[in-house]
Amino acid sequence: MQKVIKAFDPNKKHIRAGDVFIYKTSTGCEYYGLVVKHKFDLGGFKNCLLLYFFDTTTEDAKIDDLSVKQHTLLFPPTLGGSECWRDGYFSTVGKLEFNDENIYPVHYFKFPQGIRDENLKSIEEPDPNIPIGYAAYPVGLTLLDDIEDCLN
């Protein structure tokens, strides 16, 4: 059973869109993540990060090769905060310039009223190639639980 471990020095630097980060598991694997947006607002959730967690290790790909067209995500894009960086679970390792290949052109979220895009516009028929995230903010370090659930 893989667990996400504290493997890095705590970091209080500002996290920005395009930051590529890694997290390490108890098996020694380091997986990639990507900050797609910072200071992102979604409904009642303010100043969040919009994050991708790739099912791709640092042995499988280089930073510049990360792409939603080539690599799968562990789960749909999700909201998050800087707690995992501050506590030493995540470490920023590089920067990615966005293009049509490496991020989704739009992000969808499931609300009680239905599916909406990142601008809260109601979507009747979302693109089936774009995963639908949840309009929820993982409290504290529960994001680590989500990662571990998908890895195991």
N, C-alpha and C. Protein backbone atom coordinates (compact mmCIF):
# COMPACT_ATOMS: atom_id res chain seq x y z
N MET A 1 0.85 -1.18 0.00
CA MET A 1 0.00 0.00 0.00
C MET A 1 0.89 1.25 0.00
N GLN A 2 0.72 2.09 -1.01
CA GLN A 2 1.52 3.30 -1.11
C GLN A 2 0.91 4.42 -0.26
N LYS A 3 1.78 5.14 0.43
CA LYS A 3 1.39 6.31 1.20
C LYS A 3 2.20 7.49 0.68
N VAL A 4 1.61 8.67 0.67
CA VAL A 4 2.36 9.88 0.34
C VAL A 4 3.12 10.27 1.60
N ILE A 5 4.43 10.49 1.46
CA ILE A 5 5.26 10.76 2.63
C ILE A 5 5.82 12.19 2.59
N LYS A 6 6.17 12.69 3.79
CA LYS A 6 6.88 13.96 3.88
C LYS A 6 8.31 13.71 3.46
N ALA A 7 8.70 14.23 2.32
CA ALA A 7 10.03 13.95 1.79
C ALA A 7 10.80 15.22 1.45
N PHE A 8 10.19 16.38 1.66
CA PHE A 8 10.79 17.62 1.20
C PHE A 8 10.80 18.66 2.32
N ASP A 9 11.67 19.65 2.17
CA ASP A 9 11.68 20.76 3.11
C ASP A 9 10.40 21.56 2.94
N PRO A 10 9.81 21.99 4.05
CA PRO A 10 8.61 22.84 3.93
C PRO A 10 8.91 24.07 3.08
N ASN A 11 7.93 24.49 2.30
CA ASN A 11 8.11 25.60 1.37
C ASN A 11 6.97 26.58 1.52
N LYS A 12 7.31 27.84 1.73
CA LYS A 12 6.28 28.87 1.87
C LYS A 12 6.29 29.84 0.69
N LYS A 13 7.00 29.49 -0.39
CA LYS A 13 7.03 30.35 -1.57
C LYS A 13 5.66 30.35 -2.24
N HIS A 14 5.39 31.41 -2.97
CA HIS A 14 4.13 31.49 -3.70
C HIS A 14 4.09 30.44 -4.80
N ILE A 15 2.97 29.80 -4.91
CA ILE A 15 2.76 28.77 -5.92
C ILE A 15 2.03 29.42 -7.08
N ARG A 16 2.49 29.16 -8.29
CA ARG A 16 1.95 29.82 -9.47
C ARG A 16 1.49 28.81 -10.52
N ALA A 17 0.62 29.26 -11.40
CA ALA A 17 0.20 28.45 -12.54
C ALA A 17 1.44 28.09 -13.36
N GLY A 18 1.50 26.84 -13.77
CA GLY A 18 2.64 26.35 -14.53
C GLY A 18 3.67 25.63 -13.69
N ASP A 19 3.57 25.75 -12.36
CA ASP A 19 4.51 25.05 -11.48
C ASP A 19 4.27 23.54 -11.58
N VAL A 20 5.34 22.81 -11.84
CA VAL A 20 5.30 21.34 -11.81
C VAL A 20 5.85 20.93 -10.46
N PHE A 21 5.13 20.04 -9.79
CA PHE A 21 5.58 19.58 -8.48
C PHE A 21 5.63 18.06 -8.46
N ILE A 22 6.32 17.55 -7.46
CA ILE A 22 6.38 16.10 -7.27
C ILE A 22 5.94 15.79 -5.85
N TYR A 23 5.49 14.56 -5.68
CA TYR A 23 5.25 14.02 -4.35
C TYR A 23 5.81 12.61 -4.35
N LYS A 24 6.26 12.17 -3.19
CA LYS A 24 6.94 10.88 -3.08
C LYS A 24 6.07 9.92 -2.28
N THR A 25 6.09 8.65 -2.70
CA THR A 25 5.33 7.64 -1.98
C THR A 25 6.26 6.75 -1.17
N SER A 26 5.67 5.98 -0.28
CA SER A 26 6.43 5.09 0.60
C SER A 26 7.19 4.01 -0.18
N THR A 27 6.84 3.79 -1.44
CA THR A 27 7.57 2.82 -2.27
C THR A 27 8.78 3.46 -2.96
N GLY A 28 8.96 4.76 -2.77
CA GLY A 28 10.09 5.47 -3.37
C GLY A 28 9.78 6.13 -4.70
N CYS A 29 8.59 5.91 -5.23
CA CYS A 29 8.21 6.54 -6.50
C CYS A 29 7.90 8.02 -6.30
N GLU A 30 8.29 8.82 -7.26
CA GLU A 30 7.95 10.25 -7.26
C GLU A 30 7.02 10.51 -8.43
N TYR A 31 5.85 11.05 -8.13
CA TYR A 31 4.83 11.33 -9.13
C TYR A 31 4.75 12.83 -9.39
N TYR A 32 4.29 13.17 -10.61
CA TYR A 32 4.14 14.57 -11.00
C TYR A 32 2.75 15.11 -10.70
N GLY A 33 2.74 16.41 -10.43
CA GLY A 33 1.51 17.18 -10.37
C GLY A 33 1.75 18.50 -11.07
N LEU A 34 0.68 19.21 -11.37
CA LEU A 34 0.79 20.48 -12.10
C LEU A 34 -0.21 21.48 -11.55
N VAL A 35 0.26 22.70 -11.30
CA VAL A 35 -0.63 23.79 -10.91
C VAL A 35 -1.13 24.43 -12.20
N VAL A 36 -2.42 24.29 -12.47
CA VAL A 36 -3.00 24.80 -13.70
C VAL A 36 -3.43 26.25 -13.53
N LYS A 37 -3.96 26.58 -12.37
CA LYS A 37 -4.36 27.97 -12.07
C LYS A 37 -4.06 28.25 -10.61
N HIS A 38 -3.71 29.50 -10.33
CA HIS A 38 -3.58 29.93 -8.94
C HIS A 38 -4.53 31.11 -8.74
N LYS A 39 -4.86 31.39 -7.50
CA LYS A 39 -5.86 32.42 -7.18
C LYS A 39 -7.15 32.17 -7.97
N PHE A 40 -7.54 30.91 -8.01
CA PHE A 40 -8.69 30.46 -8.79
C PHE A 40 -9.93 30.47 -7.90
N ASP A 41 -11.00 31.07 -8.40
CA ASP A 41 -12.28 31.11 -7.68
C ASP A 41 -13.27 30.20 -8.39
N LEU A 42 -13.99 29.41 -7.60
CA LEU A 42 -15.02 28.54 -8.15
C LEU A 42 -16.19 28.57 -7.17
N GLY A 43 -17.21 29.32 -7.54
CA GLY A 43 -18.35 29.47 -6.64
C GLY A 43 -17.90 30.09 -5.33
N GLY A 44 -18.19 29.42 -4.22
CA GLY A 44 -17.82 29.94 -2.91
C GLY A 44 -16.38 29.68 -2.51
N PHE A 45 -15.63 28.97 -3.34
CA PHE A 45 -14.24 28.66 -3.03
C PHE A 45 -13.35 29.73 -3.66
N LYS A 46 -12.62 30.46 -2.83
CA LYS A 46 -11.83 31.60 -3.30
C LYS A 46 -10.33 31.35 -3.15
N ASN A 47 -9.57 31.92 -4.06
CA ASN A 47 -8.10 31.87 -4.03
C ASN A 47 -7.55 30.45 -3.91
N CYS A 48 -8.11 29.55 -4.69
CA CYS A 48 -7.67 28.15 -4.68
C CYS A 48 -6.62 27.92 -5.76
N LEU A 49 -6.03 26.75 -5.70
CA LEU A 49 -5.20 26.25 -6.79
C LEU A 49 -6.03 25.24 -7.55
N LEU A 50 -5.90 25.22 -8.86
CA LEU A 50 -6.50 24.16 -9.68
C LEU A 50 -5.35 23.23 -10.04
N LEU A 51 -5.47 21.96 -9.61
CA LEU A 51 -4.36 21.02 -9.68
C LEU A 51 -4.67 19.80 -10.54
N TYR A 52 -3.64 19.34 -11.25
CA TYR A 52 -3.67 18.05 -11.94
C TYR A 52 -2.70 17.13 -11.20
N PHE A 53 -3.09 15.87 -11.03
CA PHE A 53 -2.21 14.85 -10.48
C PHE A 53 -2.06 13.76 -11.54
N PHE A 54 -0.88 13.70 -12.13
CA PHE A 54 -0.63 12.73 -13.20
C PHE A 54 -0.33 11.34 -12.62
N ASP A 55 -0.78 10.32 -13.33
CA ASP A 55 -0.43 8.95 -12.99
C ASP A 55 0.87 8.63 -13.72
N THR A 56 1.87 9.48 -13.50
CA THR A 56 3.14 9.43 -14.20
C THR A 56 4.26 9.74 -13.22
N THR A 57 5.27 8.88 -13.19
CA THR A 57 6.40 9.10 -12.28
C THR A 57 7.50 9.88 -12.98
N THR A 58 8.43 10.36 -12.17
CA THR A 58 9.57 11.10 -12.72
C THR A 58 10.46 10.20 -13.56
N GLU A 59 10.36 8.88 -13.39
CA GLU A 59 11.12 7.94 -14.23
C GLU A 59 10.45 7.75 -15.59
N ASP A 60 9.14 8.01 -15.66
CA ASP A 60 8.38 7.77 -16.89
C ASP A 60 8.38 8.94 -17.86
N ALA A 61 8.60 10.15 -17.36
CA ALA A 61 8.50 11.33 -18.24
C ALA A 61 9.37 12.47 -17.70
N LYS A 62 9.73 13.36 -18.60
CA LYS A 62 10.42 14.59 -18.23
C LYS A 62 9.37 15.69 -18.10
N ILE A 63 9.70 16.74 -17.37
CA ILE A 63 8.75 17.83 -17.12
C ILE A 63 8.15 18.36 -18.40
N ASP A 64 8.98 18.64 -19.40
CA ASP A 64 8.48 19.25 -20.64
C ASP A 64 7.57 18.32 -21.44
N ASP A 65 7.56 17.03 -21.10
CA ASP A 65 6.72 16.06 -21.81
C ASP A 65 5.35 15.87 -21.18
N LEU A 66 5.12 16.44 -19.99
CA LEU A 66 3.84 16.25 -19.32
C LEU A 66 2.70 16.80 -20.16
N SER A 67 1.67 16.00 -20.33
CA SER A 67 0.56 16.39 -21.19
C SER A 67 -0.66 15.55 -20.88
N VAL A 68 -1.84 16.18 -20.85
CA VAL A 68 -3.08 15.42 -20.65
C VAL A 68 -3.40 14.56 -21.87
N LYS A 69 -2.77 14.85 -23.00
CA LYS A 69 -3.00 14.03 -24.19
C LYS A 69 -2.13 12.78 -24.19
N GLN A 70 -1.04 12.80 -23.42
CA GLN A 70 -0.13 11.65 -23.39
C GLN A 70 -0.15 10.90 -22.06
N HIS A 71 -0.54 11.56 -20.98
CA HIS A 71 -0.50 10.97 -19.65
C HIS A 71 -1.87 11.08 -18.99
N THR A 72 -2.26 10.03 -18.30
CA THR A 72 -3.56 10.06 -17.61
C THR A 72 -3.41 10.74 -16.25
N LEU A 73 -4.54 11.25 -15.78
CA LEU A 73 -4.59 11.83 -14.45
C LEU A 73 -5.07 10.77 -13.46
N LEU A 74 -4.62 10.88 -12.22
CA LEU A 74 -5.11 9.97 -11.18
C LEU A 74 -6.60 10.16 -10.95
N PHE A 75 -7.03 11.41 -10.98
CA PHE A 75 -8.44 11.77 -10.81
C PHE A 75 -8.66 13.11 -11.50
N PRO A 76 -9.92 13.52 -11.69
CA PRO A 76 -10.18 14.77 -12.41
C PRO A 76 -9.51 15.97 -11.74
N PRO A 77 -9.31 17.05 -12.49
CA PRO A 77 -8.73 18.26 -11.90
C PRO A 77 -9.45 18.61 -10.61
N THR A 78 -8.67 19.07 -9.63
CA THR A 78 -9.23 19.31 -8.31
C THR A 78 -8.74 20.63 -7.73
N LEU A 79 -9.50 21.15 -6.79
CA LEU A 79 -9.09 22.34 -6.07
C LEU A 79 -8.15 21.94 -4.95
N GLY A 80 -7.31 22.86 -4.54
CA GLY A 80 -6.41 22.60 -3.43
C GLY A 80 -5.82 23.90 -2.92
N GLY A 81 -4.99 23.77 -1.89
CA GLY A 81 -4.31 24.92 -1.31
C GLY A 81 -2.82 24.61 -1.20
N SER A 82 -2.12 25.44 -0.45
CA SER A 82 -0.67 25.30 -0.35
C SER A 82 -0.22 24.44 0.83
N GLU A 83 -1.16 23.83 1.56
CA GLU A 83 -0.81 23.07 2.76
C GLU A 83 0.23 21.98 2.50
N CYS A 84 0.08 21.28 1.40
CA CYS A 84 0.98 20.15 1.12
C CYS A 84 2.41 20.61 0.83
N TRP A 85 2.59 21.81 0.33
CA TRP A 85 3.92 22.38 0.14
C TRP A 85 4.48 22.83 1.49
N ARG A 86 3.65 23.52 2.25
CA ARG A 86 4.08 24.03 3.56
C ARG A 86 4.48 22.91 4.51
N ASP A 87 3.85 21.74 4.35
CA ASP A 87 4.13 20.62 5.25
C ASP A 87 5.15 19.62 4.71
N GLY A 88 5.72 19.91 3.53
CA GLY A 88 6.79 19.06 3.00
C GLY A 88 6.35 17.83 2.22
N TYR A 89 5.08 17.78 1.81
CA TYR A 89 4.60 16.66 1.01
C TYR A 89 4.82 16.88 -0.49
N PHE A 90 4.76 18.13 -0.94
CA PHE A 90 4.96 18.47 -2.35
C PHE A 90 6.18 19.36 -2.46
N SER A 91 6.86 19.26 -3.60
CA SER A 91 7.99 20.14 -3.88
C SER A 91 7.94 20.56 -5.35
N THR A 92 8.03 21.86 -5.59
CA THR A 92 8.04 22.38 -6.96
C THR A 92 9.40 22.09 -7.58
N VAL A 93 9.38 21.51 -8.79
CA VAL A 93 10.63 21.10 -9.45
C VAL A 93 10.84 21.75 -10.81
N GLY A 94 9.87 22.52 -11.27
CA GLY A 94 10.03 23.14 -12.58
C GLY A 94 8.81 23.93 -12.98
N LYS A 95 8.86 24.43 -14.19
CA LYS A 95 7.79 25.26 -14.73
C LYS A 95 7.43 24.71 -16.11
N LEU A 96 6.14 24.74 -16.43
CA LEU A 96 5.67 24.26 -17.72
C LEU A 96 4.92 25.39 -18.42
N GLU A 97 5.30 25.66 -19.65
CA GLU A 97 4.56 26.62 -20.47
C GLU A 97 3.34 25.90 -21.02
N PHE A 98 2.16 26.47 -20.82
CA PHE A 98 0.93 25.81 -21.26
C PHE A 98 0.73 25.93 -22.77
N ASN A 99 0.18 24.85 -23.34
CA ASN A 99 -0.23 24.86 -24.74
C ASN A 99 -1.45 23.95 -24.87
N ASP A 100 -1.93 23.77 -26.09
CA ASP A 100 -3.13 22.96 -26.32
C ASP A 100 -2.94 21.48 -26.00
N GLU A 101 -1.71 21.05 -25.89
CA GLU A 101 -1.42 19.63 -25.65
C GLU A 101 -1.39 19.27 -24.17
N ASN A 102 -0.88 20.18 -23.32
CA ASN A 102 -0.61 19.75 -21.96
C ASN A 102 -1.70 20.03 -20.92
N ILE A 103 -2.65 20.89 -21.23
CA ILE A 103 -3.78 21.09 -20.31
C ILE A 103 -5.09 21.06 -21.09
N TYR A 104 -6.17 20.86 -20.36
CA TYR A 104 -7.49 20.86 -20.99
C TYR A 104 -7.89 22.29 -21.36
N PRO A 105 -8.63 22.46 -22.46
CA PRO A 105 -9.03 23.80 -22.89
C PRO A 105 -10.08 24.42 -21.97
N VAL A 106 -10.80 23.58 -21.25
CA VAL A 106 -11.83 24.04 -20.32
C VAL A 106 -11.87 23.02 -19.19
N HIS A 107 -12.37 23.44 -18.04
CA HIS A 107 -12.50 22.54 -16.90
C HIS A 107 -13.96 22.50 -16.46
N TYR A 108 -14.45 21.29 -16.21
CA TYR A 108 -15.83 21.08 -15.78
C TYR A 108 -15.85 20.64 -14.32
N PHE A 109 -16.94 21.05 -13.64
CA PHE A 109 -17.11 20.68 -12.24
C PHE A 109 -18.55 20.28 -11.99
N LYS A 110 -18.70 19.28 -11.14
CA LYS A 110 -20.03 18.79 -10.78
C LYS A 110 -20.53 19.56 -9.56
N PHE A 111 -21.66 20.22 -9.74
CA PHE A 111 -22.35 20.94 -8.68
C PHE A 111 -23.67 20.22 -8.41
N PRO A 112 -24.31 20.49 -7.27
CA PRO A 112 -25.63 19.88 -7.03
C PRO A 112 -26.64 20.21 -8.14
N GLN A 113 -26.49 21.37 -8.77
CA GLN A 113 -27.42 21.80 -9.82
C GLN A 113 -27.04 21.27 -11.20
N GLY A 114 -25.94 20.54 -11.29
CA GLY A 114 -25.51 20.02 -12.58
C GLY A 114 -24.05 20.35 -12.87
N ILE A 115 -23.65 20.16 -14.10
CA ILE A 115 -22.26 20.38 -14.50
C ILE A 115 -22.10 21.81 -14.99
N ARG A 116 -21.02 22.43 -14.52
CA ARG A 116 -20.71 23.82 -14.91
C ARG A 116 -19.24 23.89 -15.31
N ASP A 117 -18.94 24.91 -16.12
CA ASP A 117 -17.53 25.10 -16.47
C ASP A 117 -16.88 25.97 -15.40
N GLU A 118 -15.61 26.31 -15.61
CA GLU A 118 -14.87 27.08 -14.62
C GLU A 118 -15.40 28.51 -14.45
N ASN A 119 -16.23 28.97 -15.40
CA ASN A 119 -16.87 30.29 -15.29
C ASN A 119 -18.28 30.18 -14.74
N LEU A 120 -18.64 28.98 -14.27
CA LEU A 120 -19.95 28.67 -13.67
C LEU A 120 -21.09 28.65 -14.68
N LYS A 121 -20.75 28.57 -15.95
CA LYS A 121 -21.77 28.44 -16.99
C LYS A 121 -22.26 27.00 -17.00
N SER A 122 -23.58 26.82 -17.01
CA SER A 122 -24.17 25.49 -17.04
C SER A 122 -23.84 24.80 -18.37
N ILE A 123 -23.44 23.53 -18.29
CA ILE A 123 -23.03 22.77 -19.47
C ILE A 123 -23.98 21.60 -19.66
N GLU A 124 -24.69 21.59 -20.78
CA GLU A 124 -25.63 20.51 -21.07
C GLU A 124 -24.91 19.24 -21.53
N GLU A 125 -23.95 19.41 -22.45
CA GLU A 125 -23.23 18.27 -23.01
C GLU A 125 -21.73 18.51 -22.93
N PRO A 126 -21.11 18.13 -21.81
CA PRO A 126 -19.66 18.34 -21.70
C PRO A 126 -18.89 17.45 -22.67
N ASP A 127 -17.74 17.91 -23.06
CA ASP A 127 -16.85 17.13 -23.92
C ASP A 127 -16.51 15.83 -23.19
N PRO A 128 -16.79 14.67 -23.79
CA PRO A 128 -16.54 13.40 -23.10
C PRO A 128 -15.05 13.10 -22.89
N ASN A 129 -14.18 13.86 -23.52
CA ASN A 129 -12.73 13.66 -23.37
C ASN A 129 -12.13 14.47 -22.23
N ILE A 130 -12.97 15.26 -21.56
CA ILE A 130 -12.49 16.09 -20.46
C ILE A 130 -13.13 15.60 -19.17
N PRO A 131 -12.31 15.19 -18.18
CA PRO A 131 -12.88 14.68 -16.93
C PRO A 131 -13.59 15.78 -16.15
N ILE A 132 -14.58 15.38 -15.38
CA ILE A 132 -15.39 16.32 -14.60
C ILE A 132 -14.97 16.24 -13.14
N GLY A 133 -14.47 17.35 -12.62
CA GLY A 133 -14.07 17.42 -11.22
C GLY A 133 -15.25 17.76 -10.33
N TYR A 134 -15.00 17.73 -9.02
CA TYR A 134 -16.05 18.07 -8.06
C TYR A 134 -15.83 19.48 -7.55
N ALA A 135 -16.94 20.21 -7.40
CA ALA A 135 -16.88 21.56 -6.87
C ALA A 135 -16.80 21.46 -5.35
N ALA A 136 -15.63 21.06 -4.88
CA ALA A 136 -15.39 20.90 -3.45
C ALA A 136 -13.93 21.20 -3.18
N TYR A 137 -13.66 21.62 -1.97
CA TYR A 137 -12.29 21.93 -1.57
C TYR A 137 -11.86 20.91 -0.53
N PRO A 138 -10.81 20.12 -0.82
CA PRO A 138 -10.36 19.14 0.18
C PRO A 138 -9.80 19.86 1.40
N VAL A 139 -10.34 19.57 2.55
CA VAL A 139 -9.94 20.25 3.79
C VAL A 139 -8.62 19.68 4.28
N GLY A 140 -7.70 20.59 4.66
CA GLY A 140 -6.42 20.17 5.21
C GLY A 140 -5.66 19.28 4.25
N LEU A 141 -5.23 18.15 4.76
CA LEU A 141 -4.41 17.24 3.96
C LEU A 141 -5.22 16.08 3.39
N THR A 142 -6.55 16.21 3.33
CA THR A 142 -7.36 15.11 2.78
C THR A 142 -7.05 14.87 1.30
N LEU A 143 -6.42 15.82 0.65
CA LEU A 143 -5.98 15.62 -0.73
C LEU A 143 -5.02 14.44 -0.81
N LEU A 144 -4.20 14.25 0.23
CA LEU A 144 -3.29 13.11 0.26
C LEU A 144 -4.06 11.80 0.29
N ASP A 145 -5.18 11.77 1.01
CA ASP A 145 -6.02 10.57 1.03
C ASP A 145 -6.55 10.25 -0.36
N ASP A 146 -6.96 11.29 -1.09
CA ASP A 146 -7.46 11.09 -2.45
C ASP A 146 -6.37 10.48 -3.35
N ILE A 147 -5.16 10.99 -3.22
CA ILE A 147 -4.04 10.47 -4.02
C ILE A 147 -3.80 9.00 -3.67
N GLU A 148 -3.73 8.71 -2.38
CA GLU A 148 -3.45 7.33 -1.94
C GLU A 148 -4.55 6.37 -2.38
N ASP A 149 -5.81 6.81 -2.31
CA ASP A 149 -6.91 5.96 -2.76
C ASP A 149 -6.75 5.57 -4.23
N CYS A 150 -6.30 6.52 -5.05
CA CYS A 150 -6.14 6.25 -6.48
C CYS A 150 -4.91 5.40 -6.79
N LEU A 151 -3.87 5.54 -5.99
CA LEU A 151 -2.65 4.77 -6.23
C LEU A 151 -2.77 3.32 -5.79
N ASN A 152 -3.68 3.06 -4.85
CA ASN A 152 -3.77 1.70 -4.27
C ASN A 152 -4.92 0.92 -4.82
